[in-house]
């Protein structure tokens, strides 16, 4: 995959300037980031000229959840957390498993990996009561996505794996970076 230009050129975004603009142009060309740069320029122009509709901005009105003086072993910790979530119209429940990455499908099936064995992909159809090991990956699982066609994409360092879950079979293949967009369009 292409280099993350945002990290590399963050000084430009922080108004510190750019030492060598030719390197930026070269990287945009080399990593084929033309559409991303064009999109960024259009967005910045609309934003700075105040032409972007105010109702389309994402606004975060609520205060962040903060625990400043509470300790995990404090007997009132659980009630403090519950109160924080209830004040936002949410509810929480303690789970028996230490999920590190979790994807909840529309049919309430769970796909995820557990801490500390975050190379194993598990599936649960009963809310996490029982787990089925689907696959063991060579690296730690970074993210999981399930398409509308029930295709599972698993990101690990340096690769994206595609899993089509069928009858007792799991087809696994490494997705080439140029092929990823084609796979999503084919869905």
N, C-alpha and C. Protein backbone atom coordinates (compact mmCIF):
# COMPACT_ATOMS: atom_id res chain seq x y z
N UNK A 1 0.83 -1.18 0.00
CA UNK A 1 0.00 0.00 0.00
C UNK A 1 0.88 1.24 0.00
N UNK A 2 0.30 2.32 -0.42
CA UNK A 2 1.03 3.57 -0.50
C UNK A 2 1.41 4.10 0.87
N UNK A 3 2.41 4.91 0.87
CA UNK A 3 2.89 5.52 2.10
C UNK A 3 1.83 6.47 2.64
N UNK A 4 1.73 6.57 3.95
CA UNK A 4 0.78 7.47 4.58
C UNK A 4 1.33 8.89 4.50
N UNK A 5 0.90 9.64 3.51
CA UNK A 5 1.43 10.98 3.27
C UNK A 5 1.03 11.96 4.36
N UNK A 6 -0.11 11.74 4.99
CA UNK A 6 -0.54 12.65 6.05
C UNK A 6 0.48 12.66 7.19
N UNK A 7 0.95 11.49 7.58
CA UNK A 7 1.95 11.43 8.65
C UNK A 7 3.27 12.03 8.19
N UNK A 8 3.65 11.72 6.98
CA UNK A 8 4.94 12.19 6.48
C UNK A 8 4.98 13.71 6.34
N UNK A 9 3.87 14.32 5.93
CA UNK A 9 3.83 15.76 5.69
C UNK A 9 2.94 16.49 6.70
N UNK A 10 2.90 16.00 7.92
CA UNK A 10 2.06 16.63 8.94
C UNK A 10 2.53 18.05 9.25
N UNK A 11 3.80 18.36 9.03
CA UNK A 11 4.30 19.72 9.28
C UNK A 11 3.59 20.72 8.38
N UNK A 12 3.25 20.31 7.18
CA UNK A 12 2.52 21.18 6.26
C UNK A 12 1.15 21.53 6.83
N UNK A 13 0.50 20.55 7.45
CA UNK A 13 -0.82 20.76 8.02
C UNK A 13 -0.76 21.57 9.31
N UNK A 14 0.37 21.55 9.98
CA UNK A 14 0.53 22.29 11.23
C UNK A 14 1.07 23.70 10.99
N UNK A 15 1.11 24.14 9.76
CA UNK A 15 1.55 25.48 9.37
C UNK A 15 3.01 25.75 9.71
N UNK A 16 3.82 24.70 9.76
CA UNK A 16 5.25 24.89 9.96
C UNK A 16 5.96 25.06 8.63
N UNK A 17 5.26 24.86 7.56
CA UNK A 17 5.87 24.99 6.24
C UNK A 17 6.36 23.66 5.70
N UNK A 18 6.80 23.70 4.48
CA UNK A 18 7.28 22.50 3.80
C UNK A 18 8.68 22.79 3.28
N UNK A 19 9.66 21.98 3.71
CA UNK A 19 11.04 22.23 3.35
C UNK A 19 11.29 22.03 1.85
N UNK A 20 10.75 20.94 1.31
CA UNK A 20 10.98 20.64 -0.09
C UNK A 20 9.67 20.21 -0.74
N UNK A 21 8.94 21.13 -1.39
CA UNK A 21 7.65 20.77 -1.99
C UNK A 21 7.76 19.76 -3.13
N UNK A 22 8.94 19.66 -3.74
CA UNK A 22 9.11 18.68 -4.82
C UNK A 22 8.99 17.24 -4.31
N UNK A 23 9.42 17.01 -3.05
CA UNK A 23 9.27 15.67 -2.47
C UNK A 23 7.80 15.31 -2.32
N UNK A 24 6.99 16.27 -1.93
CA UNK A 24 5.56 16.04 -1.81
C UNK A 24 4.97 15.71 -3.18
N UNK A 25 5.31 16.46 -4.19
CA UNK A 25 4.80 16.20 -5.54
C UNK A 25 5.23 14.82 -6.01
N UNK A 26 6.50 14.47 -5.76
CA UNK A 26 7.00 13.15 -6.15
C UNK A 26 6.22 12.04 -5.46
N UNK A 27 5.99 12.19 -4.15
CA UNK A 27 5.28 11.15 -3.40
C UNK A 27 3.83 11.03 -3.87
N UNK A 28 3.19 12.15 -4.17
CA UNK A 28 1.82 12.10 -4.67
C UNK A 28 1.78 11.32 -5.98
N UNK A 29 2.74 11.56 -6.84
CA UNK A 29 2.80 10.86 -8.12
C UNK A 29 3.15 9.39 -7.91
N UNK A 30 4.18 9.11 -7.10
CA UNK A 30 4.66 7.75 -6.91
C UNK A 30 3.61 6.84 -6.26
N UNK A 31 2.87 7.37 -5.30
CA UNK A 31 1.90 6.56 -4.58
C UNK A 31 0.48 6.74 -5.09
N UNK A 32 0.32 7.43 -6.21
CA UNK A 32 -0.97 7.59 -6.89
C UNK A 32 -2.03 8.16 -5.95
N UNK A 33 -1.72 9.27 -5.33
CA UNK A 33 -2.62 9.91 -4.37
C UNK A 33 -3.33 11.12 -4.96
N UNK A 34 -3.55 11.13 -6.27
CA UNK A 34 -4.14 12.28 -6.94
C UNK A 34 -5.56 12.58 -6.44
N UNK A 35 -6.39 11.54 -6.34
CA UNK A 35 -7.78 11.79 -5.92
C UNK A 35 -7.85 12.26 -4.47
N UNK A 36 -6.98 11.72 -3.60
CA UNK A 36 -6.98 12.14 -2.21
C UNK A 36 -6.56 13.60 -2.08
N UNK A 37 -5.53 14.00 -2.83
CA UNK A 37 -5.07 15.38 -2.78
C UNK A 37 -6.13 16.32 -3.34
N UNK A 38 -6.74 15.92 -4.46
CA UNK A 38 -7.81 16.74 -5.04
C UNK A 38 -8.97 16.91 -4.09
N UNK A 39 -9.38 15.82 -3.43
CA UNK A 39 -10.47 15.87 -2.47
C UNK A 39 -10.11 16.78 -1.30
N UNK A 40 -8.87 16.69 -0.83
CA UNK A 40 -8.42 17.52 0.27
C UNK A 40 -8.44 19.00 -0.11
N UNK A 41 -7.98 19.32 -1.32
CA UNK A 41 -7.95 20.71 -1.76
C UNK A 41 -9.36 21.29 -1.87
N UNK A 42 -10.28 20.50 -2.45
CA UNK A 42 -11.67 20.97 -2.57
C UNK A 42 -12.26 21.20 -1.19
N UNK A 43 -12.07 20.24 -0.28
CA UNK A 43 -12.59 20.38 1.09
C UNK A 43 -12.03 21.62 1.77
N UNK A 44 -10.72 21.82 1.69
CA UNK A 44 -10.09 22.96 2.34
C UNK A 44 -10.62 24.28 1.76
N UNK A 45 -10.77 24.35 0.45
CA UNK A 45 -11.30 25.58 -0.16
C UNK A 45 -12.72 25.86 0.32
N UNK A 46 -13.57 24.83 0.30
CA UNK A 46 -14.95 25.03 0.76
C UNK A 46 -14.98 25.44 2.23
N UNK A 47 -14.14 24.81 3.03
CA UNK A 47 -14.12 25.12 4.46
C UNK A 47 -13.60 26.54 4.73
N UNK A 48 -12.49 26.87 4.13
CA UNK A 48 -11.88 28.19 4.39
C UNK A 48 -12.70 29.33 3.82
N UNK A 49 -13.40 29.10 2.71
CA UNK A 49 -14.26 30.14 2.14
C UNK A 49 -15.67 30.13 2.75
N UNK A 50 -15.87 29.26 3.74
CA UNK A 50 -17.15 29.12 4.45
C UNK A 50 -18.30 28.78 3.51
N UNK A 51 -18.01 27.94 2.51
CA UNK A 51 -19.03 27.52 1.56
C UNK A 51 -19.59 26.14 1.88
N UNK A 52 -18.96 25.44 2.82
CA UNK A 52 -19.44 24.11 3.20
C UNK A 52 -20.64 24.29 4.13
N UNK A 53 -21.76 23.60 3.87
CA UNK A 53 -22.96 23.78 4.70
C UNK A 53 -22.72 23.45 6.18
N UNK A 54 -23.13 24.34 7.06
CA UNK A 54 -22.91 24.14 8.49
C UNK A 54 -23.58 22.87 9.01
N UNK A 55 -24.73 22.52 8.44
CA UNK A 55 -25.45 21.34 8.94
C UNK A 55 -24.73 20.02 8.60
N UNK A 56 -23.75 20.06 7.70
CA UNK A 56 -23.02 18.85 7.34
C UNK A 56 -21.78 18.62 8.19
N UNK A 57 -21.42 19.58 9.02
CA UNK A 57 -20.29 19.39 9.93
C UNK A 57 -20.71 18.44 11.04
N UNK A 58 -19.81 17.62 11.46
CA UNK A 58 -20.04 16.74 12.59
C UNK A 58 -19.79 17.54 13.86
N UNK A 59 -20.78 17.61 14.73
CA UNK A 59 -20.58 18.34 15.98
C UNK A 59 -20.65 17.38 17.15
N UNK A 60 -19.72 17.53 18.04
CA UNK A 60 -19.66 16.70 19.23
C UNK A 60 -20.08 17.57 20.41
N UNK A 61 -21.33 17.44 20.79
CA UNK A 61 -21.89 18.32 21.81
C UNK A 61 -21.68 17.83 23.23
N UNK A 62 -21.54 16.54 23.42
CA UNK A 62 -21.45 16.03 24.78
C UNK A 62 -20.02 16.09 25.30
N UNK A 63 -19.92 16.14 26.59
CA UNK A 63 -18.61 16.14 27.24
C UNK A 63 -18.01 14.74 27.13
N UNK A 64 -16.70 14.65 27.03
CA UNK A 64 -16.08 13.32 26.96
C UNK A 64 -16.21 12.58 28.29
N UNK A 65 -16.21 11.28 28.21
CA UNK A 65 -16.26 10.45 29.40
C UNK A 65 -14.88 10.48 30.04
N UNK A 66 -14.80 11.01 31.23
CA UNK A 66 -13.52 11.09 31.92
C UNK A 66 -13.64 10.51 33.32
N UNK A 67 -12.62 9.81 33.71
CA UNK A 67 -12.52 9.26 35.06
C UNK A 67 -11.22 9.78 35.64
N UNK A 68 -11.31 10.81 36.46
CA UNK A 68 -10.09 11.46 36.94
C UNK A 68 -9.61 10.89 38.27
N UNK A 69 -10.52 10.69 39.21
CA UNK A 69 -10.09 10.26 40.53
C UNK A 69 -10.49 8.82 40.83
N UNK A 70 -11.28 8.20 39.96
CA UNK A 70 -11.74 6.85 40.22
C UNK A 70 -10.64 5.83 39.92
N UNK A 71 -10.65 4.79 40.69
CA UNK A 71 -9.72 3.67 40.48
C UNK A 71 -10.53 2.44 40.09
N UNK A 72 -9.91 1.55 39.35
CA UNK A 72 -10.60 0.33 38.90
C UNK A 72 -11.04 -0.55 40.07
N UNK A 73 -10.30 -0.53 41.16
CA UNK A 73 -10.65 -1.37 42.30
C UNK A 73 -11.60 -0.69 43.28
N UNK A 74 -12.02 0.53 42.96
CA UNK A 74 -12.96 1.27 43.80
C UNK A 74 -14.34 0.62 43.70
N UNK A 75 -15.01 0.37 44.83
CA UNK A 75 -16.34 -0.27 44.79
C UNK A 75 -17.38 0.56 44.02
N UNK A 76 -17.20 1.87 43.93
CA UNK A 76 -18.15 2.72 43.23
C UNK A 76 -17.81 2.90 41.75
N UNK A 77 -16.75 2.27 41.29
CA UNK A 77 -16.32 2.44 39.91
C UNK A 77 -17.41 2.03 38.92
N UNK A 78 -18.00 0.86 39.11
CA UNK A 78 -19.02 0.36 38.20
C UNK A 78 -20.23 1.29 38.15
N UNK A 79 -20.68 1.76 39.30
CA UNK A 79 -21.85 2.65 39.29
C UNK A 79 -21.52 4.00 38.64
N UNK A 80 -20.28 4.47 38.80
CA UNK A 80 -19.88 5.73 38.16
C UNK A 80 -19.91 5.59 36.64
N UNK A 81 -19.39 4.48 36.15
CA UNK A 81 -19.40 4.22 34.70
C UNK A 81 -20.84 4.10 34.20
N UNK A 82 -21.66 3.34 34.90
CA UNK A 82 -23.06 3.16 34.48
C UNK A 82 -23.78 4.50 34.42
N UNK A 83 -23.56 5.36 35.41
CA UNK A 83 -24.19 6.68 35.43
C UNK A 83 -23.75 7.53 34.24
N UNK A 84 -22.46 7.46 33.90
CA UNK A 84 -21.94 8.22 32.76
C UNK A 84 -22.63 7.79 31.47
N UNK A 85 -22.80 6.50 31.27
CA UNK A 85 -23.44 5.99 30.06
C UNK A 85 -24.94 6.27 30.06
N UNK A 86 -25.59 6.08 31.21
CA UNK A 86 -27.03 6.34 31.29
C UNK A 86 -27.35 7.80 30.98
N UNK A 87 -26.49 8.72 31.39
CA UNK A 87 -26.74 10.14 31.12
C UNK A 87 -26.70 10.45 29.62
N UNK A 88 -26.13 9.54 28.83
CA UNK A 88 -26.08 9.70 27.37
C UNK A 88 -27.10 8.82 26.66
N UNK A 89 -27.96 8.18 27.44
CA UNK A 89 -28.98 7.31 26.85
C UNK A 89 -28.44 5.96 26.43
N UNK A 90 -27.33 5.54 27.00
CA UNK A 90 -26.69 4.26 26.65
C UNK A 90 -26.70 3.33 27.85
N UNK A 91 -26.44 2.07 27.58
CA UNK A 91 -26.32 1.11 28.67
C UNK A 91 -25.06 0.27 28.45
N UNK A 92 -24.54 -0.28 29.52
CA UNK A 92 -23.35 -1.11 29.43
C UNK A 92 -23.59 -2.40 30.19
N UNK A 93 -22.81 -3.42 29.84
CA UNK A 93 -22.88 -4.70 30.53
C UNK A 93 -21.47 -5.30 30.57
N UNK A 94 -21.14 -5.89 31.67
CA UNK A 94 -19.83 -6.53 31.82
C UNK A 94 -19.83 -7.84 31.00
N UNK A 95 -18.73 -8.11 30.32
CA UNK A 95 -18.60 -9.35 29.55
C UNK A 95 -17.49 -10.19 30.16
N UNK A 96 -17.58 -11.49 29.91
CA UNK A 96 -16.61 -12.42 30.48
C UNK A 96 -15.32 -12.51 29.68
N UNK A 97 -15.35 -12.04 28.45
CA UNK A 97 -14.19 -12.17 27.57
C UNK A 97 -13.52 -10.81 27.36
N UNK A 98 -12.21 -10.84 27.15
CA UNK A 98 -11.45 -9.62 26.88
C UNK A 98 -11.30 -9.43 25.38
N UNK A 99 -12.33 -8.89 24.74
CA UNK A 99 -12.28 -8.64 23.31
C UNK A 99 -11.32 -7.50 23.04
N UNK A 100 -10.44 -7.70 22.07
CA UNK A 100 -9.53 -6.62 21.68
C UNK A 100 -10.07 -5.90 20.45
N UNK A 101 -10.50 -6.66 19.44
CA UNK A 101 -11.15 -6.13 18.25
C UNK A 101 -12.44 -6.92 18.09
N UNK A 102 -13.55 -6.21 17.90
CA UNK A 102 -14.85 -6.88 17.83
C UNK A 102 -15.70 -6.26 16.74
N UNK A 103 -16.32 -7.09 15.92
CA UNK A 103 -17.27 -6.65 14.90
C UNK A 103 -18.59 -7.34 15.20
N UNK A 104 -19.66 -6.57 15.37
CA UNK A 104 -20.98 -7.13 15.64
C UNK A 104 -21.78 -7.04 14.35
N UNK A 105 -22.13 -8.19 13.80
CA UNK A 105 -22.86 -8.22 12.53
C UNK A 105 -24.34 -7.89 12.77
N UNK A 106 -25.05 -7.61 11.67
CA UNK A 106 -26.47 -7.26 11.76
C UNK A 106 -27.30 -8.34 12.44
N UNK A 107 -26.91 -9.60 12.26
CA UNK A 107 -27.65 -10.71 12.87
C UNK A 107 -27.15 -11.04 14.28
N UNK A 108 -26.40 -10.11 14.89
CA UNK A 108 -25.88 -10.19 16.26
C UNK A 108 -24.76 -11.20 16.44
N UNK A 109 -24.23 -11.77 15.35
CA UNK A 109 -23.06 -12.62 15.46
C UNK A 109 -21.85 -11.75 15.79
N UNK A 110 -20.93 -12.30 16.54
CA UNK A 110 -19.72 -11.59 16.91
C UNK A 110 -18.53 -12.18 16.16
N UNK A 111 -17.68 -11.32 15.63
CA UNK A 111 -16.41 -11.73 15.04
C UNK A 111 -15.34 -10.88 15.71
N UNK A 112 -14.28 -11.51 16.18
CA UNK A 112 -13.26 -10.71 16.83
C UNK A 112 -12.08 -11.51 17.30
N UNK A 113 -11.16 -10.80 17.93
CA UNK A 113 -10.01 -11.44 18.53
C UNK A 113 -9.95 -11.05 20.00
N UNK A 114 -9.33 -11.89 20.79
CA UNK A 114 -9.27 -11.70 22.23
C UNK A 114 -7.87 -11.29 22.66
N UNK A 115 -7.82 -10.57 23.76
CA UNK A 115 -6.55 -10.22 24.36
C UNK A 115 -6.13 -11.37 25.25
N UNK A 116 -4.94 -11.83 25.27
CA UNK A 116 -3.74 -11.40 24.58
C UNK A 116 -3.48 -12.13 23.26
N UNK A 117 -4.29 -13.14 22.92
CA UNK A 117 -4.07 -13.91 21.69
C UNK A 117 -4.78 -13.23 20.52
N UNK A 118 -4.26 -12.08 20.10
CA UNK A 118 -4.95 -11.29 19.10
C UNK A 118 -4.58 -11.66 17.66
N UNK A 119 -4.07 -12.87 17.47
CA UNK A 119 -3.85 -13.38 16.11
C UNK A 119 -4.94 -14.37 15.71
N UNK A 120 -5.80 -14.72 16.65
CA UNK A 120 -6.86 -15.70 16.40
C UNK A 120 -8.20 -15.00 16.16
N UNK A 121 -8.87 -15.35 15.06
CA UNK A 121 -10.18 -14.80 14.74
C UNK A 121 -11.25 -15.77 15.22
N UNK A 122 -12.14 -15.27 16.08
CA UNK A 122 -13.22 -16.09 16.65
C UNK A 122 -14.57 -15.61 16.16
N UNK A 123 -15.53 -16.55 16.21
CA UNK A 123 -16.92 -16.24 15.87
C UNK A 123 -17.80 -16.76 17.00
N UNK A 124 -18.84 -15.98 17.32
CA UNK A 124 -19.80 -16.41 18.32
C UNK A 124 -21.20 -16.09 17.81
N UNK A 125 -22.10 -17.05 17.96
CA UNK A 125 -23.50 -16.83 17.54
C UNK A 125 -24.42 -16.70 18.74
N UNK A 126 -23.85 -16.78 19.96
CA UNK A 126 -24.68 -16.72 21.17
C UNK A 126 -24.24 -15.60 22.12
N UNK A 127 -23.82 -14.49 21.54
CA UNK A 127 -23.46 -13.34 22.36
C UNK A 127 -22.15 -13.48 23.11
N UNK A 128 -21.28 -14.36 22.67
CA UNK A 128 -19.98 -14.52 23.30
C UNK A 128 -19.91 -15.63 24.33
N UNK A 129 -21.01 -16.35 24.53
CA UNK A 129 -20.99 -17.46 25.49
C UNK A 129 -20.02 -18.56 25.02
N UNK A 130 -20.10 -18.90 23.74
CA UNK A 130 -19.19 -19.91 23.18
C UNK A 130 -18.50 -19.31 21.96
N UNK A 131 -17.28 -19.77 21.71
CA UNK A 131 -16.49 -19.25 20.60
C UNK A 131 -16.04 -20.38 19.70
N UNK A 132 -15.96 -20.07 18.40
CA UNK A 132 -15.42 -21.00 17.42
C UNK A 132 -14.22 -20.31 16.78
N UNK A 133 -13.07 -20.97 16.79
CA UNK A 133 -11.89 -20.42 16.16
C UNK A 133 -12.04 -20.56 14.65
N UNK A 134 -12.05 -19.43 13.95
CA UNK A 134 -12.17 -19.46 12.49
C UNK A 134 -10.82 -19.55 11.81
N UNK A 135 -9.86 -18.80 12.31
CA UNK A 135 -8.57 -18.72 11.61
C UNK A 135 -7.50 -18.17 12.55
N UNK A 136 -6.27 -18.62 12.33
CA UNK A 136 -5.12 -18.07 13.06
C UNK A 136 -4.25 -17.34 12.04
N UNK A 137 -3.96 -16.07 12.31
CA UNK A 137 -3.21 -15.24 11.38
C UNK A 137 -1.76 -15.13 11.82
N UNK A 138 -0.85 -14.83 10.88
CA UNK A 138 0.57 -14.75 11.23
C UNK A 138 0.93 -13.51 12.03
N UNK A 139 0.08 -12.48 11.99
CA UNK A 139 0.33 -11.23 12.71
C UNK A 139 -0.90 -10.87 13.53
N UNK A 140 -0.75 -9.87 14.41
CA UNK A 140 -1.88 -9.39 15.22
C UNK A 140 -2.96 -8.80 14.33
N UNK A 141 -4.21 -9.06 14.66
CA UNK A 141 -5.34 -8.51 13.91
C UNK A 141 -5.49 -7.04 14.28
N UNK A 142 -5.50 -6.19 13.25
CA UNK A 142 -5.63 -4.75 13.45
C UNK A 142 -7.08 -4.29 13.32
N UNK A 143 -7.82 -4.86 12.34
CA UNK A 143 -9.22 -4.48 12.16
C UNK A 143 -9.97 -5.58 11.41
N UNK A 144 -11.29 -5.54 11.55
CA UNK A 144 -12.18 -6.52 10.93
C UNK A 144 -13.34 -5.76 10.30
N UNK A 145 -13.71 -6.16 9.09
CA UNK A 145 -14.87 -5.58 8.42
C UNK A 145 -15.64 -6.70 7.74
N UNK A 146 -16.96 -6.66 7.81
CA UNK A 146 -17.80 -7.64 7.14
C UNK A 146 -18.68 -6.90 6.14
N UNK A 147 -18.60 -7.29 4.87
CA UNK A 147 -19.37 -6.62 3.82
C UNK A 147 -20.82 -7.08 3.85
N UNK A 148 -21.65 -6.44 3.05
CA UNK A 148 -23.06 -6.82 2.97
C UNK A 148 -23.23 -8.20 2.35
N UNK A 149 -22.20 -8.68 1.65
CA UNK A 149 -22.24 -10.02 1.05
C UNK A 149 -21.66 -11.07 1.99
N UNK A 150 -21.44 -10.70 3.27
CA UNK A 150 -20.91 -11.58 4.30
C UNK A 150 -19.48 -12.03 4.02
N UNK A 151 -18.72 -11.19 3.36
CA UNK A 151 -17.30 -11.43 3.16
C UNK A 151 -16.55 -10.73 4.28
N UNK A 152 -15.65 -11.46 4.91
CA UNK A 152 -14.91 -10.92 6.05
C UNK A 152 -13.54 -10.46 5.59
N UNK A 153 -13.22 -9.19 5.86
CA UNK A 153 -11.91 -8.64 5.58
C UNK A 153 -11.19 -8.47 6.92
N UNK A 154 -9.99 -9.03 7.01
CA UNK A 154 -9.21 -8.94 8.24
C UNK A 154 -7.88 -8.28 7.90
N UNK A 155 -7.58 -7.19 8.59
CA UNK A 155 -6.33 -6.46 8.38
C UNK A 155 -5.31 -6.90 9.42
N UNK A 156 -4.15 -7.28 8.95
CA UNK A 156 -3.00 -7.52 9.82
C UNK A 156 -1.85 -6.69 9.25
N UNK A 157 -0.77 -6.62 9.97
CA UNK A 157 0.36 -5.80 9.50
C UNK A 157 0.84 -6.31 8.15
N UNK A 158 0.75 -5.45 7.14
CA UNK A 158 1.27 -5.78 5.83
C UNK A 158 0.35 -6.55 4.91
N UNK A 159 -0.87 -6.89 5.34
CA UNK A 159 -1.75 -7.67 4.48
C UNK A 159 -3.21 -7.49 4.86
N UNK A 160 -4.07 -7.70 3.89
CA UNK A 160 -5.51 -7.76 4.12
C UNK A 160 -5.95 -9.15 3.67
N UNK A 161 -6.61 -9.87 4.55
CA UNK A 161 -7.09 -11.21 4.23
C UNK A 161 -8.58 -11.15 3.94
N UNK A 162 -8.99 -11.95 2.98
CA UNK A 162 -10.38 -12.03 2.56
C UNK A 162 -10.87 -13.42 2.92
N UNK A 163 -11.98 -13.49 3.65
CA UNK A 163 -12.52 -14.78 4.03
C UNK A 163 -13.98 -14.86 3.62
N UNK A 164 -14.27 -15.87 2.82
CA UNK A 164 -15.65 -16.13 2.45
C UNK A 164 -16.09 -17.34 3.25
N UNK A 165 -16.93 -17.09 4.23
CA UNK A 165 -17.35 -18.17 5.13
C UNK A 165 -18.52 -18.93 4.50
N UNK A 166 -18.33 -20.18 4.29
CA UNK A 166 -19.38 -21.02 3.72
C UNK A 166 -19.57 -22.24 4.58
N UNK A 167 -19.94 -23.33 3.95
CA UNK A 167 -20.15 -24.59 4.68
C UNK A 167 -18.81 -25.18 5.09
N UNK A 168 -18.45 -25.03 6.31
CA UNK A 168 -17.26 -25.63 6.90
C UNK A 168 -15.98 -25.34 6.13
N UNK A 169 -15.98 -24.35 5.32
CA UNK A 169 -14.76 -24.03 4.59
C UNK A 169 -14.47 -22.54 4.70
N UNK A 170 -13.23 -22.24 4.78
CA UNK A 170 -12.80 -20.85 4.82
C UNK A 170 -11.74 -20.69 3.74
N UNK A 171 -12.03 -19.86 2.77
CA UNK A 171 -11.07 -19.58 1.72
C UNK A 171 -10.30 -18.34 2.16
N UNK A 172 -9.01 -18.43 2.18
CA UNK A 172 -8.20 -17.31 2.64
C UNK A 172 -7.18 -16.95 1.56
N UNK A 173 -7.11 -15.69 1.24
CA UNK A 173 -6.12 -15.24 0.28
C UNK A 173 -5.66 -13.84 0.65
N UNK A 174 -4.43 -13.55 0.37
CA UNK A 174 -3.91 -12.22 0.62
C UNK A 174 -4.36 -11.33 -0.53
N UNK A 175 -4.88 -10.18 -0.18
CA UNK A 175 -5.38 -9.24 -1.17
C UNK A 175 -4.26 -8.29 -1.56
N UNK A 176 -3.96 -8.22 -2.84
CA UNK A 176 -2.98 -7.26 -3.33
C UNK A 176 -3.55 -5.86 -3.19
N UNK A 177 -2.73 -4.85 -2.88
CA UNK A 177 -3.23 -3.49 -2.69
C UNK A 177 -4.05 -2.96 -3.87
N UNK A 178 -3.64 -3.20 -5.09
CA UNK A 178 -4.38 -2.71 -6.25
C UNK A 178 -5.69 -3.44 -6.45
N UNK A 179 -5.81 -4.64 -5.90
CA UNK A 179 -6.99 -5.47 -6.09
C UNK A 179 -8.09 -5.15 -5.09
N UNK A 180 -7.76 -4.49 -3.98
CA UNK A 180 -8.73 -4.26 -2.91
C UNK A 180 -9.94 -3.46 -3.38
N UNK A 181 -9.71 -2.41 -4.15
CA UNK A 181 -10.82 -1.58 -4.64
C UNK A 181 -11.72 -2.41 -5.57
N UNK A 182 -11.11 -3.26 -6.41
CA UNK A 182 -11.87 -4.09 -7.32
C UNK A 182 -12.77 -5.06 -6.54
N UNK A 183 -12.24 -5.62 -5.45
CA UNK A 183 -13.02 -6.56 -4.64
C UNK A 183 -14.23 -5.89 -4.02
N UNK A 184 -14.04 -4.67 -3.51
CA UNK A 184 -15.16 -3.95 -2.91
C UNK A 184 -16.20 -3.59 -3.95
N UNK A 185 -15.77 -3.24 -5.16
CA UNK A 185 -16.72 -2.88 -6.23
C UNK A 185 -17.49 -4.11 -6.70
N UNK A 186 -16.85 -5.28 -6.62
CA UNK A 186 -17.50 -6.51 -7.05
C UNK A 186 -18.57 -6.96 -6.07
N UNK A 187 -18.50 -6.45 -4.82
CA UNK A 187 -19.48 -6.84 -3.80
C UNK A 187 -20.80 -6.34 -4.20
